[in-house]
C-alpha atoms as a PDB file:
ATOM      1  CA  UNK A   1       9.165 -19.932 -66.816  1.00  0.00           C
ATOM      2  CA  UNK A   2       7.705 -21.669 -69.670  1.00  0.00           C
ATOM      3  CA  UNK A   3       6.554 -19.431 -73.745  1.00  0.00           C
ATOM      4  CA  UNK A   4       3.001 -18.820 -72.627  1.00  0.00           C
ATOM      5  CA  UNK A   5       4.108 -17.302 -69.055  1.00  0.00           C
ATOM      6  CA  UNK A   6       6.819 -14.239 -70.918  1.00  0.00           C
ATOM      7  CA  UNK A   7       4.654 -13.639 -73.759  1.00  0.00           C
ATOM      8  CA  UNK A   8       1.905 -11.987 -70.886  1.00  0.00           C
ATOM      9  CA  UNK A   9       4.555 -10.640 -68.708  1.00  0.00           C
ATOM     10  CA  UNK A  10       5.780  -8.515 -72.118  1.00  0.00           C
ATOM     11  CA  UNK A  11       2.008  -7.792 -73.022  1.00  0.00           C
ATOM     12  CA  UNK A  12       1.881  -6.889 -69.248  1.00  0.00           C
ATOM     13  CA  UNK A  13       5.123  -4.654 -69.790  1.00  0.00           C
ATOM     14  CA  UNK A  14       3.804  -2.878 -73.122  1.00  0.00           C
ATOM     15  CA  UNK A  15       0.671  -2.014 -72.218  1.00  0.00           C
ATOM     16  CA  UNK A  16       1.323  -0.068 -68.922  1.00  0.00           C
ATOM     17  CA  UNK A  17       3.847   1.572 -71.400  1.00  0.00           C
ATOM     18  CA  UNK A  18       1.446   2.905 -74.133  1.00  0.00           C
ATOM     19  CA  UNK A  19      -0.993   3.956 -71.242  1.00  0.00           C
ATOM     20  CA  UNK A  20       1.709   5.858 -69.043  1.00  0.00           C
ATOM     21  CA  UNK A  21       2.479   7.463 -72.943  1.00  0.00           C
ATOM     22  CA  UNK A  22      -1.074   8.033 -73.668  1.00  0.00           C
ATOM     23  CA  UNK A  23      -1.565   9.276 -69.993  1.00  0.00           C
ATOM     24  CA  UNK A  24       1.437  11.974 -70.005  1.00  0.00           C
ATOM     25  CA  UNK A  25      -0.502  13.530 -73.656  1.00  0.00           C
ATOM     26  CA  UNK A  26      -3.457  13.470 -73.350  1.00  0.00           C
ATOM     27  CA  UNK A  27      -2.603  15.326 -69.574  1.00  0.00           C
ATOM     28  CA  UNK A  28      -0.197  17.768 -70.852  1.00  0.00           C
ATOM     29  CA  UNK A  29      -3.288  18.643 -74.081  1.00  0.00           C
ATOM     30  CA  UNK A  30      -5.421  19.104 -71.281  1.00  0.00           C
ATOM     31  CA  UNK A  31      -3.554  21.192 -69.585  1.00  0.00           C
ATOM     32  CA  UNK A  32      -2.315  22.964 -72.086  1.00  0.00           C
ATOM     33  CA  UNK A  33      -6.506  23.494 -73.246  1.00  0.00           C
ATOM     34  CA  UNK A  34      -7.729  24.712 -69.792  1.00  0.00           C
ATOM     35  CA  UNK A  35      -5.176  27.080 -69.199  1.00  0.00           C
ATOM     36  CA  UNK A  36      -3.194  27.810 -66.545  1.00  0.00           C
ATOM     37  CA  UNK A  37      -5.363  29.167 -64.241  1.00  0.00           C
ATOM     38  CA  UNK A  38      -8.472  26.940 -64.273  1.00  0.00           C
ATOM     39  CA  UNK A  39      -5.811  24.202 -63.623  1.00  0.00           C
ATOM     40  CA  UNK A  40      -4.258  25.681 -60.527  1.00  0.00           C
ATOM     41  CA  UNK A  41      -8.170  26.226 -58.894  1.00  0.00           C
ATOM     42  CA  UNK A  42      -9.072  21.862 -59.504  1.00  0.00           C
ATOM     43  CA  UNK A  43      -5.538  21.794 -57.552  1.00  0.00           C
ATOM     44  CA  UNK A  44      -6.931  24.562 -55.232  1.00  0.00           C
ATOM     45  CA  UNK A  45     -10.070  22.702 -54.777  1.00  0.00           C
ATOM     46  CA  UNK A  46      -8.293  18.774 -54.920  1.00  0.00           C
ATOM     47  CA  UNK A  47      -5.940  19.912 -51.794  1.00  0.00           C
ATOM     48  CA  UNK A  48      -9.449  21.606 -49.401  1.00  0.00           C
ATOM     49  CA  UNK A  49     -10.442  17.759 -50.571  1.00  0.00           C
ATOM     50  CA  UNK A  50      -7.993  16.069 -49.447  1.00  0.00           C
ATOM     51  CA  UNK A  51      -6.832  17.638 -46.265  1.00  0.00           C
ATOM     52  CA  UNK A  52      -3.797  19.647 -48.103  1.00  0.00           C
ATOM     53  CA  UNK A  53      -4.358  23.060 -47.676  1.00  0.00           C
ATOM     54  CA  UNK A  54      -4.556  23.252 -43.959  1.00  0.00           C
ATOM     55  CA  UNK A  55      -5.157  26.626 -42.357  1.00  0.00           C
ATOM     56  CA  UNK A  56      -2.440  29.138 -41.261  1.00  0.00           C
ATOM     57  CA  UNK A  57      -3.734  29.098 -37.398  1.00  0.00           C
ATOM     58  CA  UNK A  58      -0.709  31.800 -36.397  1.00  0.00           C
ATOM     59  CA  UNK A  59      -3.872  34.186 -38.713  1.00  0.00           C
ATOM     60  CA  UNK A  60      -6.684  32.688 -37.089  1.00  0.00           C
ATOM     61  CA  UNK A  61      -5.092  34.069 -33.864  1.00  0.00           C
ATOM     62  CA  UNK A  62      -5.115  37.977 -34.801  1.00  0.00           C
END
Protein backbone atom coordinates (compact mmCIF):
# COMPACT_ATOMS: atom_id res chain seq x y z
CA UNK A 1 0.00 0.00 0.00
CA UNK A 2 1.47 3.30 -0.98
CA UNK A 3 1.39 6.54 1.02
CA UNK A 4 -1.38 8.04 -1.10
CA UNK A 5 -3.81 5.20 -0.34
CA UNK A 6 -2.92 5.28 3.34
CA UNK A 7 -3.55 9.03 3.40
CA UNK A 8 -7.00 8.51 1.87
CA UNK A 9 -7.88 5.93 4.54
CA UNK A 10 -6.68 8.22 7.33
CA UNK A 11 -8.67 11.15 5.95
CA UNK A 12 -11.75 8.94 5.61
CA UNK A 13 -11.37 7.71 9.20
CA UNK A 14 -10.93 11.22 10.55
CA UNK A 15 -13.95 12.43 8.60
CA UNK A 16 -16.10 9.57 9.88
CA UNK A 17 -15.01 10.22 13.47
CA UNK A 18 -15.59 13.97 13.18
CA UNK A 19 -19.00 13.41 11.57
CA UNK A 20 -20.05 11.04 14.33
CA UNK A 21 -18.94 13.46 17.03
CA UNK A 22 -20.71 16.42 15.43
CA UNK A 23 -23.88 14.37 14.94
CA UNK A 24 -23.87 13.28 18.57
CA UNK A 25 -23.41 16.83 19.82
CA UNK A 26 -26.07 18.27 17.50
CA UNK A 27 -28.50 15.48 18.42
CA UNK A 28 -27.97 16.14 22.12
CA UNK A 29 -28.48 19.88 21.70
CA UNK A 30 -31.62 19.33 19.62
CA UNK A 31 -33.03 16.91 22.19
CA UNK A 32 -32.37 19.36 25.02
CA UNK A 33 -33.90 22.22 23.02
CA UNK A 34 -37.05 20.33 22.02
CA UNK A 35 -37.69 18.72 25.37
CA UNK A 36 -38.64 15.21 26.39
CA UNK A 37 -42.28 15.43 25.37
CA UNK A 38 -41.53 16.41 21.81
CA UNK A 39 -38.86 13.72 21.47
CA UNK A 40 -41.30 11.07 22.73
CA UNK A 41 -43.90 12.28 20.24
CA UNK A 42 -41.41 12.04 17.38
CA UNK A 43 -40.43 8.53 18.52
CA UNK A 44 -44.08 7.41 18.62
CA UNK A 45 -44.77 8.83 15.15
CA UNK A 46 -41.61 7.20 13.78
CA UNK A 47 -42.57 3.83 15.29
CA UNK A 48 -46.08 4.14 13.90
CA UNK A 49 -44.80 4.82 10.36
CA UNK A 50 -42.18 2.06 10.46
CA UNK A 51 -44.57 -0.54 11.84
CA UNK A 52 -42.70 -0.94 15.11
CA UNK A 53 -45.76 -0.05 17.17
CA UNK A 54 -48.02 -3.09 16.88
CA UNK A 55 -51.54 -2.86 18.33
CA UNK A 56 -52.45 -5.01 21.30
CA UNK A 57 -54.84 -7.50 19.69
CA UNK A 58 -56.06 -8.81 23.05
CA UNK A 59 -57.41 -5.35 23.83
CA UNK A 60 -59.15 -5.23 20.45
CA UNK A 61 -61.06 -8.45 21.20
CA UNK A 62 -62.75 -7.02 24.29
